Amino acid sequence: MVAVAGTAPIAAEGGPAAPADVYGQTKLCLEIIGRAVSAAGATMAQVIRTRIMLTDISRWRDAARAHGEVFHDVRPACTFVQVSGFIDPTWLVEIEADCVIE
């Protein structure tokens, strides 16, 4: 089992990525998850569940579009929740993922 938690939209240079862009931040979070899953010896095809936390749940479609692009063939269980905020107030989304290595 691999659990990836606290994946935030942090750019390679260390600052927040894609300001005010839920879709762009979600794509980056999923890329970070992909690297973490790969480093653990798994693939994104082995992800069984994701949790997407948003500061504005009305923007869930932007996050869902990015999620669907990555997981269109996998279709893991997915939960969207609204949170009051993150450590960095410019973050709009944070994602967790669980996968099973067979």
PDB file of N, CA and C in Angstrom:
ATOM      1  N   MET A   1       0.852  -1.175   0.000  1.00  0.00           N
ATOM      2  CA  MET A   1       0.000   0.000   0.000  1.00  0.00           C
ATOM      3  C   MET A   1       0.894   1.233   0.000  1.00  0.00           C
ATOM      4  N   VAL A   2       0.556   2.185  -0.827  1.00  0.00           N
ATOM      5  CA  VAL A   2       1.254   3.470  -0.869  1.00  0.00           C
ATOM      6  C   VAL A   2       0.222   4.558  -0.624  1.00  0.00           C
ATOM      7  N   ALA A   3       0.508   5.438   0.316  1.00  0.00           N
ATOM      8  CA  ALA A   3      -0.364   6.574   0.602  1.00  0.00           C
ATOM      9  C   ALA A   3       0.430   7.848   0.372  1.00  0.00           C
ATOM     10  N   VAL A   4      -0.114   8.721  -0.456  1.00  0.00           N
ATOM     11  CA  VAL A   4       0.515  10.006  -0.736  1.00  0.00           C
ATOM     12  C   VAL A   4      -0.416  11.073  -0.179  1.00  0.00           C
ATOM     13  N   ALA A   5       0.090  11.861   0.764  1.00  0.00           N
ATOM     14  CA  ALA A   5      -0.745  12.863   1.431  1.00  0.00           C
ATOM     15  C   ALA A   5      -0.120  14.247   1.321  1.00  0.00           C
ATOM     16  N   GLY A   6      -0.947  15.246   1.536  1.00  0.00           N
ATOM     17  CA  GLY A   6      -0.459  16.615   1.604  1.00  0.00           C
ATOM     18  C   GLY A   6       0.150  17.120   0.312  1.00  0.00           C
ATOM     19  N   THR A   7      -0.357  16.655  -0.828  1.00  0.00           N
ATOM     20  CA  THR A   7       0.190  17.099  -2.102  1.00  0.00           C
ATOM     21  C   THR A   7      -0.389  18.462  -2.434  1.00  0.00           C
ATOM     22  N   ALA A   8       0.468  19.461  -2.411  1.00  0.00           N
ATOM     23  CA  ALA A   8       0.055  20.845  -2.618  1.00  0.00           C
ATOM     24  C   ALA A   8       0.652  21.384  -3.914  1.00  0.00           C
ATOM     25  N   PRO A   9       0.067  22.442  -4.465  1.00  0.00           N
ATOM     26  CA  PRO A   9       0.538  23.004  -5.730  1.00  0.00           C
ATOM     27  C   PRO A   9       1.778  23.883  -5.543  1.00  0.00           C
ATOM     28  N   ILE A  10       2.899  23.232  -5.269  1.00  0.00           N
ATOM     29  CA  ILE A  10       4.155  23.945  -5.063  1.00  0.00           C
ATOM     30  C   ILE A  10       5.014  23.766  -6.315  1.00  0.00           C
ATOM     31  N   ALA A  11       5.376  24.870  -6.938  1.00  0.00           N
ATOM     32  CA  ALA A  11       6.185  24.849  -8.154  1.00  0.00           C
ATOM     33  C   ALA A  11       7.590  24.342  -7.844  1.00  0.00           C
ATOM     34  N   ALA A  12       8.293  23.918  -8.871  1.00  0.00           N
ATOM     35  CA  ALA A  12       9.645  23.375  -8.717  1.00  0.00           C
ATOM     36  C   ALA A  12      10.577  24.367  -8.020  1.00  0.00           C
ATOM     37  N   GLU A  13      10.378  25.648  -8.253  1.00  0.00           N
ATOM     38  CA  GLU A  13      11.228  26.655  -7.621  1.00  0.00           C
ATOM     39  C   GLU A  13      10.799  26.997  -6.197  1.00  0.00           C
ATOM     40  N   GLY A  14       9.752  26.357  -5.723  1.00  0.00           N
ATOM     41  CA  GLY A  14       9.367  26.478  -4.331  1.00  0.00           C
ATOM     42  C   GLY A  14       8.162  27.332  -4.022  1.00  0.00           C
ATOM     43  N   GLY A  15       7.737  28.177  -4.900  1.00  0.00           N
ATOM     44  CA  GLY A  15       6.573  29.016  -4.642  1.00  0.00           C
ATOM     45  C   GLY A  15       5.293  28.359  -5.111  1.00  0.00           C
ATOM     46  N   PRO A  16       4.172  29.014  -4.853  1.00  0.00           N
ATOM     47  CA  PRO A  16       2.892  28.469  -5.307  1.00  0.00           C
ATOM     48  C   PRO A  16       2.801  28.487  -6.837  1.00  0.00           C
ATOM     49  N   ALA A  17       2.179  27.463  -7.382  1.00  0.00           N
ATOM     50  CA  ALA A  17       2.028  27.337  -8.834  1.00  0.00           C
ATOM     51  C   ALA A  17       0.627  27.738  -9.257  1.00  0.00           C
ATOM     52  N   ALA A  18       0.503  28.190 -10.481  1.00  0.00           N
ATOM     53  CA  ALA A  18      -0.788  28.472 -11.119  1.00  0.00           C
ATOM     54  C   ALA A  18      -1.729  29.275 -10.220  1.00  0.00           C
ATOM     55  N   PRO A  19      -1.346  30.488  -9.841  1.00  0.00           N
ATOM     56  CA  PRO A  19      -2.201  31.298  -8.964  1.00  0.00           C
ATOM     57  C   PRO A  19      -3.625  31.440  -9.519  1.00  0.00           C
ATOM     58  N   ALA A  20      -4.593  31.254  -8.667  1.00  0.00           N
ATOM     59  CA  ALA A  20      -6.025  31.408  -8.976  1.00  0.00           C
ATOM     60  C   ALA A  20      -6.537  30.419 -10.020  1.00  0.00           C
ATOM     61  N   ASP A  21      -5.803  29.346 -10.290  1.00  0.00           N
ATOM     62  CA  ASP A  21      -6.164  28.388 -11.330  1.00  0.00           C
ATOM     63  C   ASP A  21      -6.327  26.987 -10.726  1.00  0.00           C
ATOM     64  N   VAL A  22      -7.553  26.621 -10.395  1.00  0.00           N
ATOM     65  CA  VAL A  22      -7.814  25.320  -9.785  1.00  0.00           C
ATOM     66  C   VAL A  22      -7.360  24.189 -10.709  1.00  0.00           C
ATOM     67  N   TYR A  23      -7.662  24.295 -11.991  1.00  0.00           N
ATOM     68  CA  TYR A  23      -7.264  23.262 -12.941  1.00  0.00           C
ATOM     69  C   TYR A  23      -5.743  23.106 -12.955  1.00  0.00           C
ATOM     70  N   GLY A  24      -5.021  24.186 -13.102  1.00  0.00           N
ATOM     71  CA  GLY A  24      -3.562  24.136 -13.150  1.00  0.00           C
ATOM     72  C   GLY A  24      -2.953  23.609 -11.867  1.00  0.00           C
ATOM     73  N   GLN A  25      -3.493  24.016 -10.728  1.00  0.00           N
ATOM     74  CA  GLN A  25      -2.989  23.522  -9.447  1.00  0.00           C
ATOM     75  C   GLN A  25      -3.280  22.035  -9.288  1.00  0.00           C
ATOM     76  N   THR A  26      -4.447  21.602  -9.735  1.00  0.00           N
ATOM     77  CA  THR A  26      -4.796  20.187  -9.653  1.00  0.00           C
ATOM     78  C   THR A  26      -3.867  19.357 -10.529  1.00  0.00           C
ATOM     79  N   LYS A  27      -3.594  19.816 -11.748  1.00  0.00           N
ATOM     80  CA  LYS A  27      -2.686  19.095 -12.637  1.00  0.00           C
ATOM     81  C   LYS A  27      -1.314  18.931 -11.984  1.00  0.00           C
ATOM     82  N   LEU A  28      -0.803  19.999 -11.365  1.00  0.00           N
ATOM     83  CA  LEU A  28       0.501  19.913 -10.718  1.00  0.00           C
ATOM     84  C   LEU A  28       0.465  18.938  -9.548  1.00  0.00           C
ATOM     85  N   CYS A  29      -0.565  18.998  -8.729  1.00  0.00           N
ATOM     86  CA  CYS A  29      -0.675  18.057  -7.610  1.00  0.00           C
ATOM     87  C   CYS A  29      -0.667  16.616  -8.109  1.00  0.00           C
ATOM     88  N   LEU A  30      -1.371  16.352  -9.189  1.00  0.00           N
ATOM     89  CA  LEU A  30      -1.413  15.001  -9.738  1.00  0.00           C
ATOM     90  C   LEU A  30      -0.067  14.592 -10.322  1.00  0.00           C
ATOM     91  N   GLU A  31       0.665  15.526 -10.895  1.00  0.00           N
ATOM     92  CA  GLU A  31       2.017  15.224 -11.383  1.00  0.00           C
ATOM     93  C   GLU A  31       2.934  14.864 -10.209  1.00  0.00           C
ATOM     94  N   ILE A  32       2.824  15.610  -9.117  1.00  0.00           N
ATOM     95  CA  ILE A  32       3.627  15.328  -7.917  1.00  0.00           C
ATOM     96  C   ILE A  32       3.273  13.948  -7.368  1.00  0.00           C
ATOM     97  N   ILE A  33       1.985  13.637  -7.324  1.00  0.00           N
ATOM     98  CA  ILE A  33       1.550  12.313  -6.871  1.00  0.00           C
ATOM     99  C   ILE A  33       2.126  11.236  -7.788  1.00  0.00           C
ATOM    100  N   GLY A  34       2.092  11.473  -9.092  1.00  0.00           N
ATOM    101  CA  GLY A  34       2.647  10.510 -10.040  1.00  0.00           C
ATOM    102  C   GLY A  34       4.113  10.219  -9.772  1.00  0.00           C
ATOM    103  N   ARG A  35       4.887  11.256  -9.468  1.00  0.00           N
ATOM    104  CA  ARG A  35       6.306  11.051  -9.166  1.00  0.00           C
ATOM    105  C   ARG A  35       6.483  10.277  -7.862  1.00  0.00           C
ATOM    106  N   ALA A  36       5.668  10.586  -6.855  1.00  0.00           N
ATOM    107  CA  ALA A  36       5.768   9.889  -5.567  1.00  0.00           C
ATOM    108  C   ALA A  36       5.381   8.416  -5.704  1.00  0.00           C
ATOM    109  N   VAL A  37       4.318   8.163  -6.425  1.00  0.00           N
ATOM    110  CA  VAL A  37       3.862   6.789  -6.648  1.00  0.00           C
ATOM    111  C   VAL A  37       4.930   5.998  -7.412  1.00  0.00           C
ATOM    112  N   SER A  38       5.499   6.616  -8.423  1.00  0.00           N
ATOM    113  CA  SER A  38       6.552   5.963  -9.202  1.00  0.00           C
ATOM    114  C   SER A  38       7.781   5.660  -8.344  1.00  0.00           C
ATOM    115  N   ALA A  39       8.168   6.603  -7.503  1.00  0.00           N
ATOM    116  CA  ALA A  39       9.323   6.396  -6.624  1.00  0.00           C
ATOM    117  C   ALA A  39       9.088   5.244  -5.653  1.00  0.00           C
ATOM    118  N   ALA A  40       7.814   4.969  -5.347  1.00  0.00           N
ATOM    119  CA  ALA A  40       7.471   3.873  -4.446  1.00  0.00           C
ATOM    120  C   ALA A  40       7.321   2.545  -5.193  1.00  0.00           C
ATOM    121  N   GLY A  41       7.515   2.563  -6.511  1.00  0.00           N
ATOM    122  CA  GLY A  41       7.440   1.329  -7.284  1.00  0.00           C
ATOM    123  C   GLY A  41       6.064   1.011  -7.834  1.00  0.00           C
ATOM    124  N   ALA A  42       5.201   2.013  -7.892  1.00  0.00           N
ATOM    125  CA  ALA A  42       3.847   1.788  -8.392  1.00  0.00           C
ATOM    126  C   ALA A  42       3.605   2.674  -9.611  1.00  0.00           C
ATOM    127  N   THR A  43       2.402   2.576 -10.150  1.00  0.00           N
ATOM    128  CA  THR A  43       1.983   3.433 -11.258  1.00  0.00           C
ATOM    129  C   THR A  43       0.656   4.085 -10.902  1.00  0.00           C
ATOM    130  N   MET A  44       0.298   5.093 -11.653  1.00  0.00           N
ATOM    131  CA  MET A  44      -0.985   5.753 -11.419  1.00  0.00           C
ATOM    132  C   MET A  44      -2.152   4.792 -11.674  1.00  0.00           C
ATOM    133  N   ALA A  45      -1.929   3.759 -12.469  1.00  0.00           N
ATOM    134  CA  ALA A  45      -2.975   2.762 -12.725  1.00  0.00           C
ATOM    135  C   ALA A  45      -3.304   1.966 -11.471  1.00  0.00           C
ATOM    136  N   GLN A  46      -2.445   2.015 -10.466  1.00  0.00           N
ATOM    137  CA  GLN A  46      -2.678   1.286  -9.222  1.00  0.00           C
ATOM    138  C   GLN A  46      -3.318   2.152  -8.137  1.00  0.00           C
ATOM    139  N   VAL A  47      -3.620   3.403  -8.464  1.00  0.00           N
ATOM    140  CA  VAL A  47      -4.304   4.279  -7.502  1.00  0.00           C
ATOM    141  C   VAL A  47      -5.743   3.797  -7.353  1.00  0.00           C
ATOM    142  N   ILE A  48      -6.151   3.579  -6.113  1.00  0.00           N
ATOM    143  CA  ILE A  48      -7.510   3.084  -5.863  1.00  0.00           C
ATOM    144  C   ILE A  48      -8.430   4.142  -5.274  1.00  0.00           C
ATOM    145  N   ARG A  49      -7.840   5.242  -4.717  1.00  0.00           N
ATOM    146  CA  ARG A  49      -8.672   6.268  -4.096  1.00  0.00           C
ATOM    147  C   ARG A  49      -7.940   7.591  -4.097  1.00  0.00           C
ATOM    148  N   THR A  50      -8.690   8.670  -4.359  1.00  0.00           N
ATOM    149  CA  THR A  50      -8.152  10.017  -4.226  1.00  0.00           C
ATOM    150  C   THR A  50      -9.104  10.852  -3.385  1.00  0.00           C
ATOM    151  N   ARG A  51      -8.515  11.828  -2.710  1.00  0.00           N
ATOM    152  CA  ARG A  51      -9.288  12.803  -1.944  1.00  0.00           C
ATOM    153  C   ARG A  51      -8.833  14.178  -2.398  1.00  0.00           C
ATOM    154  N   ILE A  52      -9.773  14.954  -2.891  1.00  0.00           N
ATOM    155  CA  ILE A  52      -9.459  16.289  -3.390  1.00  0.00           C
ATOM    156  C   ILE A  52     -10.090  17.313  -2.464  1.00  0.00           C
ATOM    157  N   MET A  53      -9.235  18.117  -1.870  1.00  0.00           N
ATOM    158  CA  MET A  53      -9.690  19.157  -0.945  1.00  0.00           C
ATOM    159  C   MET A  53      -9.599  20.506  -1.651  1.00  0.00           C
ATOM    160  N   LEU A  54     -10.688  21.244  -1.636  1.00  0.00           N
ATOM    161  CA  LEU A  54     -10.775  22.538  -2.300  1.00  0.00           C
ATOM    162  C   LEU A  54     -11.180  23.618  -1.311  1.00  0.00           C
ATOM    163  N   THR A  55     -10.676  24.825  -1.517  1.00  0.00           N
ATOM    164  CA  THR A  55     -11.110  25.946  -0.672  1.00  0.00           C
ATOM    165  C   THR A  55     -12.435  26.520  -1.160  1.00  0.00           C
ATOM    166  N   ASP A  56     -12.821  26.205  -2.387  1.00  0.00           N
ATOM    167  CA  ASP A  56     -14.094  26.661  -2.950  1.00  0.00           C
ATOM    168  C   ASP A  56     -14.707  25.507  -3.732  1.00  0.00           C
ATOM    169  N   ILE A  57     -15.628  24.803  -3.104  1.00  0.00           N
ATOM    170  CA  ILE A  57     -16.205  23.598  -3.698  1.00  0.00           C
ATOM    171  C   ILE A  57     -16.961  23.902  -4.990  1.00  0.00           C
ATOM    172  N   SER A  58     -17.371  25.140  -5.200  1.00  0.00           N
ATOM    173  CA  SER A  58     -18.079  25.478  -6.439  1.00  0.00           C
ATOM    174  C   SER A  58     -17.166  25.345  -7.660  1.00  0.00           C
ATOM    175  N   ARG A  59     -15.867  25.219  -7.452  1.00  0.00           N
ATOM    176  CA  ARG A  59     -14.915  25.075  -8.553  1.00  0.00           C
ATOM    177  C   ARG A  59     -14.492  23.614  -8.756  1.00  0.00           C
ATOM    178  N   TRP A  60     -15.284  22.678  -8.252  1.00  0.00           N
ATOM    179  CA  TRP A  60     -14.940  21.264  -8.312  1.00  0.00           C
ATOM    180  C   TRP A  60     -14.808  20.761  -9.750  1.00  0.00           C
ATOM    181  N   ARG A  61     -15.541  21.345 -10.688  1.00  0.00           N
ATOM    182  CA  ARG A  61     -15.481  20.865 -12.070  1.00  0.00           C
ATOM    183  C   ARG A  61     -14.080  21.043 -12.672  1.00  0.00           C
ATOM    184  N   ASP A  62     -13.393  22.135 -12.308  1.00  0.00           N
ATOM    185  CA  ASP A  62     -12.031  22.355 -12.803  1.00  0.00           C
ATOM    186  C   ASP A  62     -11.098  21.256 -12.292  1.00  0.00           C
ATOM    187  N   ALA A  63     -11.228  20.918 -11.011  1.00  0.00           N
ATOM    188  CA  ALA A  63     -10.407  19.853 -10.432  1.00  0.00           C
ATOM    189  C   ALA A  63     -10.797  18.502 -11.028  1.00  0.00           C
ATOM    190  N   ALA A  64     -12.086  18.283 -11.220  1.00  0.00           N
ATOM    191  CA  ALA A  64     -12.555  17.014 -11.782  1.00  0.00           C
ATOM    192  C   ALA A  64     -12.058  16.826 -13.219  1.00  0.00           C
ATOM    193  N   ARG A  65     -11.981  17.893 -13.980  1.00  0.00           N
ATOM    194  CA  ARG A  65     -11.481  17.793 -15.357  1.00  0.00           C
ATOM    195  C   ARG A  65     -10.026  17.320 -15.363  1.00  0.00           C
ATOM    196  N   ALA A  66      -9.199  17.925 -14.513  1.00  0.00           N
ATOM    197  CA  ALA A  66      -7.790  17.523 -14.428  1.00  0.00           C
ATOM    198  C   ALA A  66      -7.675  16.076 -13.942  1.00  0.00           C
ATOM    199  N   HIS A  67      -8.459  15.735 -12.931  1.00  0.00           N
ATOM    200  CA  HIS A  67      -8.458  14.381 -12.380  1.00  0.00           C
ATOM    201  C   HIS A  67      -8.861  13.377 -13.460  1.00  0.00           C
ATOM    202  N   GLY A  68      -9.892  13.691 -14.216  1.00  0.00           N
ATOM    203  CA  GLY A  68     -10.371  12.804 -15.267  1.00  0.00           C
ATOM    204  C   GLY A  68      -9.358  12.592 -16.371  1.00  0.00           C
ATOM    205  N   GLU A  69      -8.574  13.621 -16.671  1.00  0.00           N
ATOM    206  CA  GLU A  69      -7.541  13.488 -17.697  1.00  0.00           C
ATOM    207  C   GLU A  69      -6.463  12.487 -17.274  1.00  0.00           C
ATOM    208  N   VAL A  70      -6.166  12.456 -15.992  1.00  0.00           N
ATOM    209  CA  VAL A  70      -5.133  11.549 -15.484  1.00  0.00           C
ATOM    210  C   VAL A  70      -5.691  10.143 -15.262  1.00  0.00           C
ATOM    211  N   PHE A  71      -6.902  10.074 -14.743  1.00  0.00           N
ATOM    212  CA  PHE A  71      -7.462   8.786 -14.316  1.00  0.00           C
ATOM    213  C   PHE A  71      -8.621   8.292 -15.183  1.00  0.00           C
ATOM    214  N   HIS A  72      -8.723   8.736 -16.434  1.00  0.00           N
ATOM    215  CA  HIS A  72      -9.868   8.355 -17.275  1.00  0.00           C
ATOM    216  C   HIS A  72     -10.003   6.853 -17.449  1.00  0.00           C
ATOM    217  N   ASP A  73      -8.895   6.120 -17.436  1.00  0.00           N
ATOM    218  CA  ASP A  73      -8.976   4.662 -17.586  1.00  0.00           C
ATOM    219  C   ASP A  73      -8.931   3.919 -16.250  1.00  0.00           C
ATOM    220  N   VAL A  74      -8.552   4.616 -15.192  1.00  0.00           N
ATOM    221  CA  VAL A  74      -8.371   3.980 -13.886  1.00  0.00           C
ATOM    222  C   VAL A  74      -9.642   4.078 -13.056  1.00  0.00           C
ATOM    223  N   ARG A  75     -10.198   5.262 -12.999  1.00  0.00           N
ATOM    224  CA  ARG A  75     -11.442   5.554 -12.269  1.00  0.00           C
ATOM    225  C   ARG A  75     -11.381   5.142 -10.790  1.00  0.00           C
ATOM    226  N   PRO A  76     -10.421   5.698 -10.037  1.00  0.00           N
ATOM    227  CA  PRO A  76     -10.362   5.387  -8.613  1.00  0.00           C
ATOM    228  C   PRO A  76     -11.546   6.025  -7.878  1.00  0.00           C
ATOM    229  N   ALA A  77     -11.863   5.497  -6.709  1.00  0.00           N
ATOM    230  CA  ALA A  77     -12.856   6.161  -5.866  1.00  0.00           C
ATOM    231  C   ALA A  77     -12.332   7.564  -5.582  1.00  0.00           C
ATOM    232  N   CYS A  78     -13.215   8.550  -5.619  1.00  0.00           N
ATOM    233  CA  CYS A  78     -12.771   9.932  -5.473  1.00  0.00           C
ATOM    234  C   CYS A  78     -13.751  10.710  -4.601  1.00  0.00           C
ATOM    235  N   THR A  79     -13.198  11.462  -3.662  1.00  0.00           N
ATOM    236  CA  THR A  79     -14.010  12.292  -2.785  1.00  0.00           C
ATOM    237  C   THR A  79     -13.569  13.740  -2.920  1.00  0.00           C
ATOM    238  N   PHE A  80     -14.511  14.646  -3.053  1.00  0.00           N
ATOM    239  CA  PHE A  80     -14.253  16.080  -3.049  1.00  0.00           C
ATOM    240  C   PHE A  80     -14.780  16.657  -1.735  1.00  0.00           C
ATOM    241  N   VAL A  81     -13.980  17.463  -1.075  1.00  0.00           N
ATOM    242  CA  VAL A  81     -14.421  18.138   0.143  1.00  0.00           C
ATOM    243  C   VAL A  81     -13.973  19.589   0.115  1.00  0.00           C
ATOM    244  N   GLN A  82     -14.710  20.422   0.797  1.00  0.00           N
ATOM    245  CA  GLN A  82     -14.317  21.820   0.942  1.00  0.00           C
ATOM    246  C   GLN A  82     -13.656  21.990   2.294  1.00  0.00           C
ATOM    247  N   VAL A  83     -12.558  22.739   2.298  1.00  0.00           N
ATOM    248  CA  VAL A  83     -11.834  23.044   3.527  1.00  0.00           C
ATOM    249  C   VAL A  83     -11.783  24.561   3.690  1.00  0.00           C
ATOM    250  N   SER A  84     -11.524  24.995   4.911  1.00  0.00           N
ATOM    251  CA  SER A  84     -11.500  26.443   5.153  1.00  0.00           C
ATOM    252  C   SER A  84     -10.229  27.102   4.648  1.00  0.00           C
ATOM    253  N   GLY A  85      -9.175  26.338   4.457  1.00  0.00           N
ATOM    254  CA  GLY A  85      -7.941  26.904   3.931  1.00  0.00           C
ATOM    255  C   GLY A  85      -6.780  25.947   4.103  1.00  0.00           C
ATOM    256  N   PHE A  86      -5.643  26.338   3.524  1.00  0.00           N
ATOM    257  CA  PHE A  86      -4.416  25.556   3.612  1.00  0.00           C
ATOM    258  C   PHE A  86      -3.321  26.394   4.253  1.00  0.00           C
ATOM    259  N   ILE A  87      -2.158  25.803   4.456  1.00  0.00           N
ATOM    260  CA  ILE A  87      -1.025  26.505   5.053  1.00  0.00           C
ATOM    261  C   ILE A  87      -0.704  27.771   4.269  1.00  0.00           C
ATOM    262  N   ASP A  88      -0.706  27.650   2.943  1.00  0.00           N
ATOM    263  CA  ASP A  88      -0.468  28.802   2.069  1.00  0.00           C
ATOM    264  C   ASP A  88      -1.821  29.230   1.504  1.00  0.00           C
ATOM    265  N   PRO A  89      -2.248  30.450   1.749  1.00  0.00           N
ATOM    266  CA  PRO A  89      -3.575  30.871   1.287  1.00  0.00           C
ATOM    267  C   PRO A  89      -3.728  30.951  -0.228  1.00  0.00           C
ATOM    268  N   THR A  90      -2.633  30.843  -0.984  1.00  0.00           N
ATOM    269  CA  THR A  90      -2.747  30.843  -2.447  1.00  0.00           C
ATOM    270  C   THR A  90      -3.060  29.466  -3.001  1.00  0.00           C
ATOM    271  N   TRP A  91      -2.919  28.431  -2.171  1.00  0.00           N
ATOM    272  CA  TRP A  91      -3.275  27.090  -2.611  1.00  0.00           C
ATOM    273  C   TRP A  91      -4.789  26.968  -2.649  1.00  0.00           C
ATOM    274  N   LEU A  92      -5.302  26.465  -3.728  1.00  0.00           N
ATOM    275  CA  LEU A  92      -6.742  26.274  -3.896  1.00  0.00           C
ATOM    276  C   LEU A  92      -7.152  24.817  -3.763  1.00  0.00           C
ATOM    277  N   VAL A  93      -6.168  23.920  -3.880  1.00  0.00           N
ATOM    278  CA  VAL A  93      -6.440  22.487  -3.880  1.00  0.00           C
ATOM    279  C   VAL A  93      -5.273  21.747  -3.241  1.00  0.00           C
ATOM    280  N   GLU A  94      -5.596  20.649  -2.630  1.00  0.00           N
ATOM    281  CA  GLU A  94      -4.594  19.712  -2.122  1.00  0.00           C
ATOM    282  C   GLU A  94      -5.181  18.320  -2.346  1.00  0.00           C
ATOM    283  N   ILE A  95      -4.339  17.356  -2.687  1.00  0.00           N
ATOM    284  CA  ILE A  95      -4.842  16.025  -3.048  1.00  0.00           C
ATOM    285  C   ILE A  95      -4.089  14.940  -2.292  1.00  0.00           C
ATOM    286  N   GLU A  96      -4.810  13.895  -1.927  1.00  0.00           N
ATOM    287  CA  GLU A  96      -4.227  12.683  -1.352  1.00  0.00           C
ATOM    288  C   GLU A  96      -4.589  11.522  -2.270  1.00  0.00           C
ATOM    289  N   ALA A  97      -3.718  10.522  -2.311  1.00  0.00           N
ATOM    290  CA  ALA A  97      -3.979   9.347  -3.146  1.00  0.00           C
ATOM    291  C   ALA A  97      -3.484   8.090  -2.448  1.00  0.00           C
ATOM    292  N   ASP A  98      -4.203   7.009  -2.613  1.00  0.00           N
ATOM    293  CA  ASP A  98      -3.825   5.699  -2.096  1.00  0.00           C
ATOM    294  C   ASP A  98      -3.734   4.734  -3.270  1.00  0.00           C
ATOM    295  N   CYS A  99      -2.718   3.878  -3.231  1.00  0.00           N
ATOM    296  CA  CYS A  99      -2.635   2.857  -4.268  1.00  0.00           C
ATOM    297  C   CYS A  99      -2.165   1.552  -3.658  1.00  0.00           C
ATOM    298  N   VAL A 100      -2.470   0.493  -4.365  1.00  0.00           N
ATOM    299  CA  VAL A 100      -2.101  -0.847  -3.934  1.00  0.00           C
ATOM    300  C   VAL A 100      -1.109  -1.395  -4.946  1.00  0.00           C
ATOM    301  N   ILE A 101       0.037  -1.841  -4.431  1.00  0.00           N
ATOM    302  CA  ILE A 101       1.036  -2.456  -5.273  1.00  0.00           C
ATOM    303  C   ILE A 101       0.813  -3.965  -5.220  1.00  0.00           C
ATOM    304  N   GLU A 102       0.601  -4.558  -6.372  1.00  0.00           N
ATOM    305  CA  GLU A 102       0.331  -6.002  -6.418  1.00  0.00           C
ATOM    306  C   GLU A 102       1.571  -6.784  -6.711  1.00  0.00           C
TER     307      GLU A 102
END
